[in-house]
Structures are given as C-alpha cells and as structure tokens.
C-alpha cells in the first residue's frame, strides 16, 4: 500500500486489476453465491440484460460500484495523455485551477 505510482512496484501493481477487498466477498464469489456481471444494457420487468448478451431474472438487485473512467468530455488541449488519462502530479494539472481528485492510483493505491 505504500508503493507510489512512480516506483517499479507501483507501476507493476497499477497495471493489475483492482482488487476486491473483503475476505467474505471473495468467499461468496468462489462459492457462486455472488455473481459479478458486466455492464447492464437494460431491464424489462424482472429481466436484466447485460453487455455480454446474457439475461437474468431477479427479485433483488445490489448495484455495486465499478466503472471505467472517461475523461473525453474534458476539451482542454494537452490535459490528457495518449491513453485518455489525466496528466497530473498528485492531482495537480498543468492548467491553472484544474485539479483531479479521487483518481485510481492518483499517487498511491
């Protein structure tokens, strides 16, 4: 947890998927009691359709966090790198008054 984004370890870890925190949740996933699904495309009554073409009929939904960042709406030249991620140092951009908060690996995990 103390490795920063500029260290070799931090660069390696930042390329891995985000971890799932909580031993209980990991056990439920392994036991098949919790199912992780891709993006939802739509719903109709109790049927939910997913991006992978699968459908599930449900009684209850737990809508968990999880997202992919999209900064394409920021129309400031030179603020995003070639991968579409903000260029910053600990949240401070090169544009006066523009800061980023809560980014994945903003400085440390």
PDB file of N, CA and C in Angstrom:
ATOM      1  N   UNK A   1       0.816  -1.201   0.000  1.00  0.00           N
ATOM      2  CA  UNK A   1       0.000   0.000   0.000  1.00  0.00           C
ATOM      3  C   UNK A   1       0.861   1.267   0.000  1.00  0.00           C
ATOM      4  N   UNK A   2       2.120   1.150   0.391  1.00  0.00           N
ATOM      5  CA  UNK A   2       2.946   2.349   0.456  1.00  0.00           C
ATOM      6  C   UNK A   2       3.705   2.609  -0.839  1.00  0.00           C
ATOM      7  N   UNK A   3       3.635   1.683  -1.811  1.00  0.00           N
ATOM      8  CA  UNK A   3       4.340   1.893  -3.087  1.00  0.00           C
ATOM      9  C   UNK A   3       3.655   3.012  -3.858  1.00  0.00           C
ATOM     10  N   UNK A   4       4.427   3.997  -4.315  1.00  0.00           N
ATOM     11  CA  UNK A   4       3.803   5.062  -5.089  1.00  0.00           C
ATOM     12  C   UNK A   4       3.826   4.725  -6.574  1.00  0.00           C
ATOM     13  N   UNK A   5       3.088   5.467  -7.360  1.00  0.00           N
ATOM     14  CA  UNK A   5       2.897   5.192  -8.782  1.00  0.00           C
ATOM     15  C   UNK A   5       4.201   5.252  -9.575  1.00  0.00           C
ATOM     16  N   UNK A   6       5.200   5.964  -9.071  1.00  0.00           N
ATOM     17  CA  UNK A   6       6.461   6.112  -9.803  1.00  0.00           C
ATOM     18  C   UNK A   6       7.461   5.000  -9.504  1.00  0.00           C
ATOM     19  N   UNK A   7       7.217   4.196  -8.456  1.00  0.00           N
ATOM     20  CA  UNK A   7       8.134   3.102  -8.133  1.00  0.00           C
ATOM     21  C   UNK A   7       7.900   1.929  -9.079  1.00  0.00           C
ATOM     22  N   UNK A   8       8.900   1.050  -9.215  1.00  0.00           N
ATOM     23  CA  UNK A   8       8.746  -0.134 -10.077  1.00  0.00           C
ATOM     24  C   UNK A   8       7.585  -1.003  -9.595  1.00  0.00           C
ATOM     25  N   UNK A   9       7.499  -1.203  -8.274  1.00  0.00           N
ATOM     26  CA  UNK A   9       6.412  -1.998  -7.721  1.00  0.00           C
ATOM     27  C   UNK A   9       5.064  -1.324  -7.997  1.00  0.00           C
ATOM     28  N   UNK A  10       4.992  -0.036  -7.788  1.00  0.00           N
ATOM     29  CA  UNK A  10       3.751   0.703  -8.043  1.00  0.00           C
ATOM     30  C   UNK A  10       3.335   0.626  -9.495  1.00  0.00           C
ATOM     31  N   UNK A  11       4.283   0.732 -10.430  1.00  0.00           N
ATOM     32  CA  UNK A  11       3.961   0.635 -11.850  1.00  0.00           C
ATOM     33  C   UNK A  11       3.440  -0.751 -12.191  1.00  0.00           C
ATOM     34  N   UNK A  12       4.032  -1.792 -11.581  1.00  0.00           N
ATOM     35  CA  UNK A  12       3.570  -3.158 -11.812  1.00  0.00           C
ATOM     36  C   UNK A  12       2.152  -3.347 -11.258  1.00  0.00           C
ATOM     37  N   UNK A  13       1.948  -2.955 -10.011  1.00  0.00           N
ATOM     38  CA  UNK A  13       0.655  -3.155  -9.359  1.00  0.00           C
ATOM     39  C   UNK A  13      -0.440  -2.360 -10.069  1.00  0.00           C
ATOM     40  N   UNK A  14      -0.129  -1.152 -10.532  1.00  0.00           N
ATOM     41  CA  UNK A  14      -1.158  -0.320 -11.156  1.00  0.00           C
ATOM     42  C   UNK A  14      -1.664  -0.906 -12.466  1.00  0.00           C
ATOM     43  N   UNK A  15      -0.910  -1.833 -13.064  1.00  0.00           N
ATOM     44  CA  UNK A  15      -1.339  -2.467 -14.307  1.00  0.00           C
ATOM     45  C   UNK A  15      -2.227  -3.683 -14.054  1.00  0.00           C
ATOM     46  N   UNK A  16      -2.317  -4.110 -12.796  1.00  0.00           N
ATOM     47  CA  UNK A  16      -3.172  -5.237 -12.434  1.00  0.00           C
ATOM     48  C   UNK A  16      -4.595  -4.724 -12.240  1.00  0.00           C
ATOM     49  N   UNK A  17      -5.545  -5.612 -12.252  1.00  0.00           N
ATOM     50  CA  UNK A  17      -6.927  -5.212 -11.974  1.00  0.00           C
ATOM     51  C   UNK A  17      -7.071  -4.756 -10.536  1.00  0.00           C
ATOM     52  N   UNK A  18      -8.084  -3.955 -10.286  1.00  0.00           N
ATOM     53  CA  UNK A  18      -8.324  -3.509  -8.920  1.00  0.00           C
ATOM     54  C   UNK A  18      -8.741  -4.698  -8.068  1.00  0.00           C
ATOM     55  N   UNK A  19      -8.251  -4.756  -6.860  1.00  0.00           N
ATOM     56  CA  UNK A  19      -8.572  -5.891  -6.000  1.00  0.00           C
ATOM     57  C   UNK A  19     -10.000  -5.805  -5.470  1.00  0.00           C
ATOM     58  N   UNK A  20     -10.529  -6.940  -5.078  1.00  0.00           N
ATOM     59  CA  UNK A  20     -11.804  -6.984  -4.365  1.00  0.00           C
ATOM     60  C   UNK A  20     -11.437  -7.100  -2.897  1.00  0.00           C
ATOM     61  N   UNK A  21     -11.829  -6.104  -2.123  1.00  0.00           N
ATOM     62  CA  UNK A  21     -11.490  -6.094  -0.707  1.00  0.00           C
ATOM     63  C   UNK A  21     -12.562  -6.821   0.085  1.00  0.00           C
ATOM     64  N   UNK A  22     -12.141  -7.610   1.026  1.00  0.00           N
ATOM     65  CA  UNK A  22     -13.066  -8.312   1.908  1.00  0.00           C
ATOM     66  C   UNK A  22     -13.028  -9.801   1.662  1.00  0.00           C
ATOM     67  N   UNK A  23     -12.587 -10.539   2.637  1.00  0.00           N
ATOM     68  CA  UNK A  23     -12.488 -11.990   2.509  1.00  0.00           C
ATOM     69  C   UNK A  23     -13.867 -12.631   2.359  1.00  0.00           C
ATOM     70  N   UNK A  24     -14.866 -12.048   3.009  1.00  0.00           N
ATOM     71  CA  UNK A  24     -16.209 -12.616   2.927  1.00  0.00           C
ATOM     72  C   UNK A  24     -16.728 -12.549   1.494  1.00  0.00           C
ATOM     73  N   UNK A  25     -16.533 -11.435   0.843  1.00  0.00           N
ATOM     74  CA  UNK A  25     -16.997 -11.283  -0.536  1.00  0.00           C
ATOM     75  C   UNK A  25     -16.273 -12.248  -1.465  1.00  0.00           C
ATOM     76  N   UNK A  26     -14.981 -12.387  -1.301  1.00  0.00           N
ATOM     77  CA  UNK A  26     -14.216 -13.325  -2.137  1.00  0.00           C
ATOM     78  C   UNK A  26     -14.744 -14.745  -1.963  1.00  0.00           C
ATOM     79  N   UNK A  27     -15.046 -15.130  -0.731  1.00  0.00           N
ATOM     80  CA  UNK A  27     -15.571 -16.476  -0.471  1.00  0.00           C
ATOM     81  C   UNK A  27     -16.931 -16.656  -1.138  1.00  0.00           C
ATOM     82  N   UNK A  28     -17.798 -15.656  -1.066  1.00  0.00           N
ATOM     83  CA  UNK A  28     -19.118 -15.743  -1.689  1.00  0.00           C
ATOM     84  C   UNK A  28     -19.011 -15.842  -3.209  1.00  0.00           C
ATOM     85  N   UNK A  29     -18.055 -15.141  -3.789  1.00  0.00           N
ATOM     86  CA  UNK A  29     -17.839 -15.218  -5.236  1.00  0.00           C
ATOM     87  C   UNK A  29     -17.369 -16.619  -5.604  1.00  0.00           C
ATOM     88  N   UNK A  30     -16.386 -17.153  -4.859  1.00  0.00           N
ATOM     89  CA  UNK A  30     -15.881 -18.510  -5.122  1.00  0.00           C
ATOM     90  C   UNK A  30     -16.975 -19.561  -4.982  1.00  0.00           C
ATOM     91  N   UNK A  31     -17.853 -19.373  -4.007  1.00  0.00           N
ATOM     92  CA  UNK A  31     -18.933 -20.335  -3.761  1.00  0.00           C
ATOM     93  C   UNK A  31     -20.089 -20.173  -4.746  1.00  0.00           C
ATOM     94  N   UNK A  32     -20.033 -19.171  -5.606  1.00  0.00           N
ATOM     95  CA  UNK A  32     -21.093 -18.947  -6.580  1.00  0.00           C
ATOM     96  C   UNK A  32     -22.334 -18.289  -6.000  1.00  0.00           C
ATOM     97  N   UNK A  33     -22.219 -17.745  -4.788  1.00  0.00           N
ATOM     98  CA  UNK A  33     -23.360 -17.087  -4.149  1.00  0.00           C
ATOM     99  C   UNK A  33     -23.479 -15.626  -4.576  1.00  0.00           C
ATOM    100  N   UNK A  34     -22.389 -15.059  -5.089  1.00  0.00           N
ATOM    101  CA  UNK A  34     -22.385 -13.711  -5.651  1.00  0.00           C
ATOM    102  C   UNK A  34     -21.849 -13.827  -7.069  1.00  0.00           C
ATOM    103  N   UNK A  35     -22.575 -13.237  -8.002  1.00  0.00           N
ATOM    104  CA  UNK A  35     -22.171 -13.288  -9.402  1.00  0.00           C
ATOM    105  C   UNK A  35     -21.804 -11.893  -9.866  1.00  0.00           C
ATOM    106  N   UNK A  36     -20.633 -11.761 -10.424  1.00  0.00           N
ATOM    107  CA  UNK A  36     -20.208 -10.484 -10.990  1.00  0.00           C
ATOM    108  C   UNK A  36     -20.619 -10.492 -12.454  1.00  0.00           C
ATOM    109  N   UNK A  37     -21.315  -9.453 -12.862  1.00  0.00           N
ATOM    110  CA  UNK A  37     -21.820  -9.357 -14.225  1.00  0.00           C
ATOM    111  C   UNK A  37     -21.234  -8.126 -14.911  1.00  0.00           C
ATOM    112  N   UNK A  38     -21.221  -8.134 -16.254  1.00  0.00           N
ATOM    113  CA  UNK A  38     -20.743  -6.950 -16.972  1.00  0.00           C
ATOM    114  C   UNK A  38     -21.805  -5.846 -16.968  1.00  0.00           C
ATOM    115  N   UNK A  39     -21.564  -4.816 -17.706  1.00  0.00           N
ATOM    116  CA  UNK A  39     -22.446  -3.647 -17.774  1.00  0.00           C
ATOM    117  C   UNK A  39     -23.876  -4.054 -18.145  1.00  0.00           C
ATOM    118  N   UNK A  40     -24.824  -3.406 -17.501  1.00  0.00           N
ATOM    119  CA  UNK A  40     -26.236  -3.635 -17.788  1.00  0.00           C
ATOM    120  C   UNK A  40     -26.636  -2.868 -19.040  1.00  0.00           C
ATOM    121  N   UNK A  41     -27.332  -3.556 -19.937  1.00  0.00           N
ATOM    122  CA  UNK A  41     -27.846  -2.900 -21.149  1.00  0.00           C
ATOM    123  C   UNK A  41     -29.266  -2.399 -20.956  1.00  0.00           C
ATOM    124  N   UNK A  42     -30.055  -3.113 -20.158  1.00  0.00           N
ATOM    125  CA  UNK A  42     -31.430  -2.698 -19.968  1.00  0.00           C
ATOM    126  C   UNK A  42     -32.187  -3.643 -19.062  1.00  0.00           C
ATOM    127  N   UNK A  43     -33.414  -3.265 -18.756  1.00  0.00           N
ATOM    128  CA  UNK A  43     -34.270  -4.084 -17.915  1.00  0.00           C
ATOM    129  C   UNK A  43     -35.671  -4.116 -18.502  1.00  0.00           C
ATOM    130  N   UNK A  44     -36.397  -5.173 -18.201  1.00  0.00           N
ATOM    131  CA  UNK A  44     -37.806  -5.281 -18.561  1.00  0.00           C
ATOM    132  C   UNK A  44     -38.463  -6.135 -17.489  1.00  0.00           C
ATOM    133  N   UNK A  45     -39.284  -5.496 -16.672  1.00  0.00           N
ATOM    134  CA  UNK A  45     -39.897  -6.143 -15.516  1.00  0.00           C
ATOM    135  C   UNK A  45     -38.788  -6.726 -14.625  1.00  0.00           C
ATOM    136  N   UNK A  46     -38.715  -8.047 -14.484  1.00  0.00           N
ATOM    137  CA  UNK A  46     -37.699  -8.662 -13.612  1.00  0.00           C
ATOM    138  C   UNK A  46     -36.486  -9.151 -14.395  1.00  0.00           C
ATOM    139  N   UNK A  47     -36.451  -8.921 -15.702  1.00  0.00           N
ATOM    140  CA  UNK A  47     -35.356  -9.409 -16.544  1.00  0.00           C
ATOM    141  C   UNK A  47     -34.328  -8.303 -16.767  1.00  0.00           C
ATOM    142  N   UNK A  48     -33.077  -8.620 -16.496  1.00  0.00           N
ATOM    143  CA  UNK A  48     -31.977  -7.674 -16.724  1.00  0.00           C
ATOM    144  C   UNK A  48     -31.108  -8.226 -17.842  1.00  0.00           C
ATOM    145  N   UNK A  49     -30.783  -7.387 -18.829  1.00  0.00           N
ATOM    146  CA  UNK A  49     -29.924  -7.771 -19.959  1.00  0.00           C
ATOM    147  C   UNK A  49     -28.554  -7.153 -19.760  1.00  0.00           C
ATOM    148  N   UNK A  50     -27.516  -7.935 -20.092  1.00  0.00           N
ATOM    149  CA  UNK A  50     -26.147  -7.485 -19.888  1.00  0.00           C
ATOM    150  C   UNK A  50     -25.399  -7.350 -21.210  1.00  0.00           C
ATOM    151  N   UNK A  51     -24.302  -6.619 -21.144  1.00  0.00           N
ATOM    152  CA  UNK A  51     -23.465  -6.328 -22.303  1.00  0.00           C
ATOM    153  C   UNK A  51     -22.966  -7.592 -23.017  1.00  0.00           C
ATOM    154  N   UNK A  52     -22.781  -8.685 -22.266  1.00  0.00           N
ATOM    155  CA  UNK A  52     -22.276  -9.921 -22.872  1.00  0.00           C
ATOM    156  C   UNK A  52     -23.382 -10.759 -23.520  1.00  0.00           C
ATOM    157  N   UNK A  53     -24.613 -10.227 -23.560  1.00  0.00           N
ATOM    158  CA  UNK A  53     -25.726 -10.933 -24.177  1.00  0.00           C
ATOM    159  C   UNK A  53     -26.505 -11.808 -23.208  1.00  0.00           C
ATOM    160  N   UNK A  54     -26.040 -11.957 -21.993  1.00  0.00           N
ATOM    161  CA  UNK A  54     -26.743 -12.786 -21.018  1.00  0.00           C
ATOM    162  C   UNK A  54     -27.902 -12.011 -20.392  1.00  0.00           C
ATOM    163  N   UNK A  55     -28.845 -12.740 -19.856  1.00  0.00           N
ATOM    164  CA  UNK A  55     -30.007 -12.177 -19.173  1.00  0.00           C
ATOM    165  C   UNK A  55     -30.185 -12.896 -17.847  1.00  0.00           C
ATOM    166  N   UNK A  56     -30.730 -12.202 -16.867  1.00  0.00           N
ATOM    167  CA  UNK A  56     -31.002 -12.791 -15.570  1.00  0.00           C
ATOM    168  C   UNK A  56     -32.349 -12.277 -15.086  1.00  0.00           C
ATOM    169  N   UNK A  57     -33.180 -13.201 -14.605  1.00  0.00           N
ATOM    170  CA  UNK A  57     -34.421 -12.794 -13.963  1.00  0.00           C
ATOM    171  C   UNK A  57     -34.144 -12.683 -12.473  1.00  0.00           C
ATOM    172  N   UNK A  58     -34.512 -11.564 -11.892  1.00  0.00           N
ATOM    173  CA  UNK A  58     -34.138 -11.296 -10.498  1.00  0.00           C
ATOM    174  C   UNK A  58     -35.327 -10.842  -9.660  1.00  0.00           C
ATOM    175  N   UNK A  59     -35.169 -11.010  -8.371  1.00  0.00           N
ATOM    176  CA  UNK A  59     -36.107 -10.460  -7.391  1.00  0.00           C
ATOM    177  C   UNK A  59     -35.513  -9.190  -6.770  1.00  0.00           C
ATOM    178  N   UNK A  60     -34.171  -9.200  -6.575  1.00  0.00           N
ATOM    179  CA  UNK A  60     -33.474  -8.083  -5.933  1.00  0.00           C
ATOM    180  C   UNK A  60     -32.189  -7.796  -6.693  1.00  0.00           C
ATOM    181  N   UNK A  61     -31.753  -6.559  -6.621  1.00  0.00           N
ATOM    182  CA  UNK A  61     -30.502  -6.164  -7.262  1.00  0.00           C
ATOM    183  C   UNK A  61     -29.651  -5.410  -6.252  1.00  0.00           C
ATOM    184  N   UNK A  62     -28.383  -5.772  -6.165  1.00  0.00           N
ATOM    185  CA  UNK A  62     -27.413  -4.989  -5.413  1.00  0.00           C
ATOM    186  C   UNK A  62     -26.548  -4.315  -6.463  1.00  0.00           C
ATOM    187  N   UNK A  63     -26.668  -2.994  -6.578  1.00  0.00           N
ATOM    188  CA  UNK A  63     -25.950  -2.261  -7.599  1.00  0.00           C
ATOM    189  C   UNK A  63     -24.631  -1.800  -6.996  1.00  0.00           C
ATOM    190  N   UNK A  64     -23.556  -2.478  -7.352  1.00  0.00           N
ATOM    191  CA  UNK A  64     -22.250  -2.192  -6.761  1.00  0.00           C
ATOM    192  C   UNK A  64     -21.495  -1.179  -7.614  1.00  0.00           C
ATOM    193  N   UNK A  65     -20.553  -0.535  -6.980  1.00  0.00           N
ATOM    194  CA  UNK A  65     -19.740   0.422  -7.712  1.00  0.00           C
ATOM    195  C   UNK A  65     -18.775  -0.302  -8.619  1.00  0.00           C
ATOM    196  N   UNK A  66     -18.341   0.382  -9.595  1.00  0.00           N
ATOM    197  CA  UNK A  66     -17.404  -0.154 -10.564  1.00  0.00           C
ATOM    198  C   UNK A  66     -17.591   0.630 -11.840  1.00  0.00           C
ATOM    199  N   UNK A  67     -16.535   1.126 -12.382  1.00  0.00           N
ATOM    200  CA  UNK A  67     -16.677   1.946 -13.563  1.00  0.00           C
ATOM    201  C   UNK A  67     -15.352   2.037 -14.289  1.00  0.00           C
ATOM    202  N   UNK A  68     -15.421   2.518 -15.472  1.00  0.00           N
ATOM    203  CA  UNK A  68     -14.228   2.847 -16.240  1.00  0.00           C
ATOM    204  C   UNK A  68     -14.233   4.354 -16.421  1.00  0.00           C
ATOM    205  N   UNK A  69     -13.140   4.972 -16.114  1.00  0.00           N
ATOM    206  CA  UNK A  69     -13.056   6.421 -16.231  1.00  0.00           C
ATOM    207  C   UNK A  69     -13.128   6.854 -17.688  1.00  0.00           C
ATOM    208  N   UNK A  70     -13.808   7.967 -17.931  1.00  0.00           N
ATOM    209  CA  UNK A  70     -13.909   8.542 -19.268  1.00  0.00           C
ATOM    210  C   UNK A  70     -13.782  10.053 -19.128  1.00  0.00           C
ATOM    211  N   UNK A  71     -12.660  10.561 -19.568  1.00  0.00           N
ATOM    212  CA  UNK A  71     -12.397  11.987 -19.453  1.00  0.00           C
ATOM    213  C   UNK A  71     -12.529  12.694 -20.802  1.00  0.00           C
ATOM    214  N   UNK A  72     -13.134  12.029 -21.785  1.00  0.00           N
ATOM    215  CA  UNK A  72     -13.217  12.596 -23.132  1.00  0.00           C
ATOM    216  C   UNK A  72     -14.013  13.899 -23.166  1.00  0.00           C
ATOM    217  N   UNK A  73     -14.824  14.143 -22.171  1.00  0.00           N
ATOM    218  CA  UNK A  73     -15.616  15.366 -22.114  1.00  0.00           C
ATOM    219  C   UNK A  73     -14.770  16.594 -21.775  1.00  0.00           C
ATOM    220  N   UNK A  74     -13.549  16.358 -21.270  1.00  0.00           N
ATOM    221  CA  UNK A  74     -12.658  17.488 -20.960  1.00  0.00           C
ATOM    222  C   UNK A  74     -12.006  17.942 -22.265  1.00  0.00           C
ATOM    223  N   UNK A  75     -12.395  19.079 -22.750  1.00  0.00           N
ATOM    224  CA  UNK A  75     -11.921  19.591 -24.033  1.00  0.00           C
ATOM    225  C   UNK A  75     -10.828  20.648 -23.842  1.00  0.00           C
ATOM    226  N   UNK A  76      -9.760  20.259 -23.145  1.00  0.00           N
ATOM    227  CA  UNK A  76      -8.632  21.158 -22.913  1.00  0.00           C
ATOM    228  C   UNK A  76      -7.408  20.496 -23.529  1.00  0.00           C
ATOM    229  N   UNK A  77      -6.816  21.111 -24.542  1.00  0.00           N
ATOM    230  CA  UNK A  77      -5.649  20.501 -25.188  1.00  0.00           C
ATOM    231  C   UNK A  77      -4.519  20.231 -24.194  1.00  0.00           C
ATOM    232  N   UNK A  78      -3.914  19.035 -24.318  1.00  0.00           N
ATOM    233  CA  UNK A  78      -2.755  18.685 -23.527  1.00  0.00           C
ATOM    234  C   UNK A  78      -3.047  18.238 -22.104  1.00  0.00           C
ATOM    235  N   UNK A  79      -4.319  18.090 -21.729  1.00  0.00           N
ATOM    236  CA  UNK A  79      -4.634  17.704 -20.353  1.00  0.00           C
ATOM    237  C   UNK A  79      -4.719  16.187 -20.191  1.00  0.00           C
ATOM    238  N   UNK A  80      -4.915  15.464 -21.316  1.00  0.00           N
ATOM    239  CA  UNK A  80      -4.996  14.003 -21.271  1.00  0.00           C
ATOM    240  C   UNK A  80      -3.833  13.393 -22.026  1.00  0.00           C
ATOM    241  N   UNK A  81      -3.360  12.239 -21.564  1.00  0.00           N
ATOM    242  CA  UNK A  81      -2.278  11.564 -22.264  1.00  0.00           C
ATOM    243  C   UNK A  81      -2.838  10.743 -23.428  1.00  0.00           C
ATOM    244  N   UNK A  82      -1.980   9.994 -24.101  1.00  0.00           N
ATOM    245  CA  UNK A  82      -2.394   9.223 -25.282  1.00  0.00           C
ATOM    246  C   UNK A  82      -3.408   8.127 -24.949  1.00  0.00           C
ATOM    247  N   UNK A  83      -3.511   7.747 -23.669  1.00  0.00           N
ATOM    248  CA  UNK A  83      -4.484   6.736 -23.241  1.00  0.00           C
ATOM    249  C   UNK A  83      -5.782   7.366 -22.721  1.00  0.00           C
ATOM    250  N   UNK A  84      -5.870   8.695 -22.812  1.00  0.00           N
ATOM    251  CA  UNK A  84      -7.078   9.382 -22.363  1.00  0.00           C
ATOM    252  C   UNK A  84      -7.149   9.609 -20.873  1.00  0.00           C
ATOM    253  N   UNK A  85      -6.008   9.476 -20.182  1.00  0.00           N
ATOM    254  CA  UNK A  85      -5.972   9.675 -18.729  1.00  0.00           C
ATOM    255  C   UNK A  85      -5.389  11.063 -18.419  1.00  0.00           C
ATOM    256  N   UNK A  86      -5.841  11.669 -17.321  1.00  0.00           N
ATOM    257  CA  UNK A  86      -5.349  12.999 -16.958  1.00  0.00           C
ATOM    258  C   UNK A  86      -3.841  13.024 -16.717  1.00  0.00           C
ATOM    259  N   UNK A  87      -3.211  14.068 -17.189  1.00  0.00           N
ATOM    260  CA  UNK A  87      -1.789  14.306 -16.916  1.00  0.00           C
ATOM    261  C   UNK A  87      -1.753  15.188 -15.673  1.00  0.00           C
ATOM    262  N   UNK A  88      -1.128  14.678 -14.624  1.00  0.00           N
ATOM    263  CA  UNK A  88      -1.114  15.407 -13.352  1.00  0.00           C
ATOM    264  C   UNK A  88       0.027  14.907 -12.484  1.00  0.00           C
ATOM    265  N   UNK A  89       0.296  15.641 -11.428  1.00  0.00           N
ATOM    266  CA  UNK A  89       1.223  15.213 -10.394  1.00  0.00           C
ATOM    267  C   UNK A  89       0.484  15.362  -9.068  1.00  0.00           C
ATOM    268  N   UNK A  90       0.108  14.229  -8.493  1.00  0.00           N
ATOM    269  CA  UNK A  90      -0.673  14.211  -7.251  1.00  0.00           C
ATOM    270  C   UNK A  90      -1.960  15.033  -7.375  1.00  0.00           C
ATOM    271  N   UNK A  91      -2.583  14.970  -8.549  1.00  0.00           N
ATOM    272  CA  UNK A  91      -3.854  15.645  -8.768  1.00  0.00           C
ATOM    273  C   UNK A  91      -3.756  17.042  -9.328  1.00  0.00           C
ATOM    274  N   UNK A  92      -2.561  17.605  -9.366  1.00  0.00           N
ATOM    275  CA  UNK A  92      -2.377  18.968  -9.861  1.00  0.00           C
ATOM    276  C   UNK A  92      -2.027  18.914 -11.350  1.00  0.00           C
ATOM    277  N   UNK A  93      -2.867  19.522 -12.178  1.00  0.00           N
ATOM    278  CA  UNK A  93      -2.606  19.542 -13.618  1.00  0.00           C
ATOM    279  C   UNK A  93      -1.742  20.752 -13.970  1.00  0.00           C
ATOM    280  N   UNK A  94      -1.339  20.822 -15.232  1.00  0.00           N
ATOM    281  CA  UNK A  94      -0.542  21.966 -15.696  1.00  0.00           C
ATOM    282  C   UNK A  94      -1.418  23.175 -15.998  1.00  0.00           C
ATOM    283  N   UNK A  95      -2.733  22.987 -15.985  1.00  0.00           N
ATOM    284  CA  UNK A  95      -3.668  24.087 -16.245  1.00  0.00           C
ATOM    285  C   UNK A  95      -4.027  24.750 -14.920  1.00  0.00           C
ATOM    286  N   UNK A  96      -3.809  26.042 -14.837  1.00  0.00           N
ATOM    287  CA  UNK A  96      -4.068  26.773 -13.602  1.00  0.00           C
ATOM    288  C   UNK A  96      -5.525  26.591 -13.178  1.00  0.00           C
ATOM    289  N   UNK A  97      -5.703  26.151 -11.931  1.00  0.00           N
ATOM    290  CA  UNK A  97      -7.033  25.981 -11.366  1.00  0.00           C
ATOM    291  C   UNK A  97      -7.703  24.655 -11.675  1.00  0.00           C
ATOM    292  N   UNK A  98      -7.044  23.754 -12.421  1.00  0.00           N
ATOM    293  CA  UNK A  98      -7.639  22.455 -12.734  1.00  0.00           C
ATOM    294  C   UNK A  98      -6.932  21.373 -11.931  1.00  0.00           C
ATOM    295  N   UNK A  99      -7.704  20.694 -11.089  1.00  0.00           N
ATOM    296  CA  UNK A  99      -7.177  19.649 -10.215  1.00  0.00           C
ATOM    297  C   UNK A  99      -8.013  18.386 -10.381  1.00  0.00           C
ATOM    298  N   UNK A 100      -7.432  17.251 -10.057  1.00  0.00           N
ATOM    299  CA  UNK A 100      -8.134  15.973 -10.110  1.00  0.00           C
ATOM    300  C   UNK A 100      -8.122  15.359  -8.716  1.00  0.00           C
ATOM    301  N   UNK A 101      -9.255  14.818  -8.309  1.00  0.00           N
ATOM    302  CA  UNK A 101      -9.381  14.164  -7.010  1.00  0.00           C
ATOM    303  C   UNK A 101      -9.949  12.768  -7.204  1.00  0.00           C
ATOM    304  N   UNK A 102      -9.517  11.829  -6.368  1.00  0.00           N
ATOM    305  CA  UNK A 102     -10.099  10.500  -6.362  1.00  0.00           C
ATOM    306  C   UNK A 102      -9.758   9.622  -7.545  1.00  0.00           C
ATOM    307  N   UNK A 103      -8.674   9.916  -8.232  1.00  0.00           N
ATOM    308  CA  UNK A 103      -8.283   9.092  -9.376  1.00  0.00           C
ATOM    309  C   UNK A 103      -7.691   7.768  -8.913  1.00  0.00           C
ATOM    310  N   UNK A 104      -7.907   6.694  -9.681  1.00  0.00           N
ATOM    311  CA  UNK A 104      -7.214   5.457  -9.353  1.00  0.00           C
ATOM    312  C   UNK A 104      -5.703   5.700  -9.442  1.00  0.00           C
ATOM    313  N   UNK A 105      -4.994   5.267  -8.461  1.00  0.00           N
ATOM    314  CA  UNK A 105      -3.543   5.461  -8.411  1.00  0.00           C
ATOM    315  C   UNK A 105      -3.145   6.930  -8.599  1.00  0.00           C
ATOM    316  N   UNK A 106      -3.867   7.817  -7.961  1.00  0.00           N
ATOM    317  CA  UNK A 106      -3.521   9.226  -8.049  1.00  0.00           C
ATOM    318  C   UNK A 106      -2.084   9.457  -7.574  1.00  0.00           C
ATOM    319  N   UNK A 107      -1.727   8.779  -6.516  1.00  0.00           N
ATOM    320  CA  UNK A 107      -0.338   8.758  -6.097  1.00  0.00           C
ATOM    321  C   UNK A 107       0.006   7.376  -5.537  1.00  0.00           C
ATOM    322  N   UNK A 108      -0.882   6.874  -4.694  1.00  0.00           N
ATOM    323  CA  UNK A 108      -0.761   5.511  -4.146  1.00  0.00           C
ATOM    324  C   UNK A 108      -2.120   4.857  -4.276  1.00  0.00           C
ATOM    325  N   UNK A 109      -2.100   3.542  -4.148  1.00  0.00           N
ATOM    326  CA  UNK A 109      -3.376   2.826  -4.256  1.00  0.00           C
ATOM    327  C   UNK A 109      -4.324   3.339  -3.210  1.00  0.00           C
TER     328      UNK A 109
END
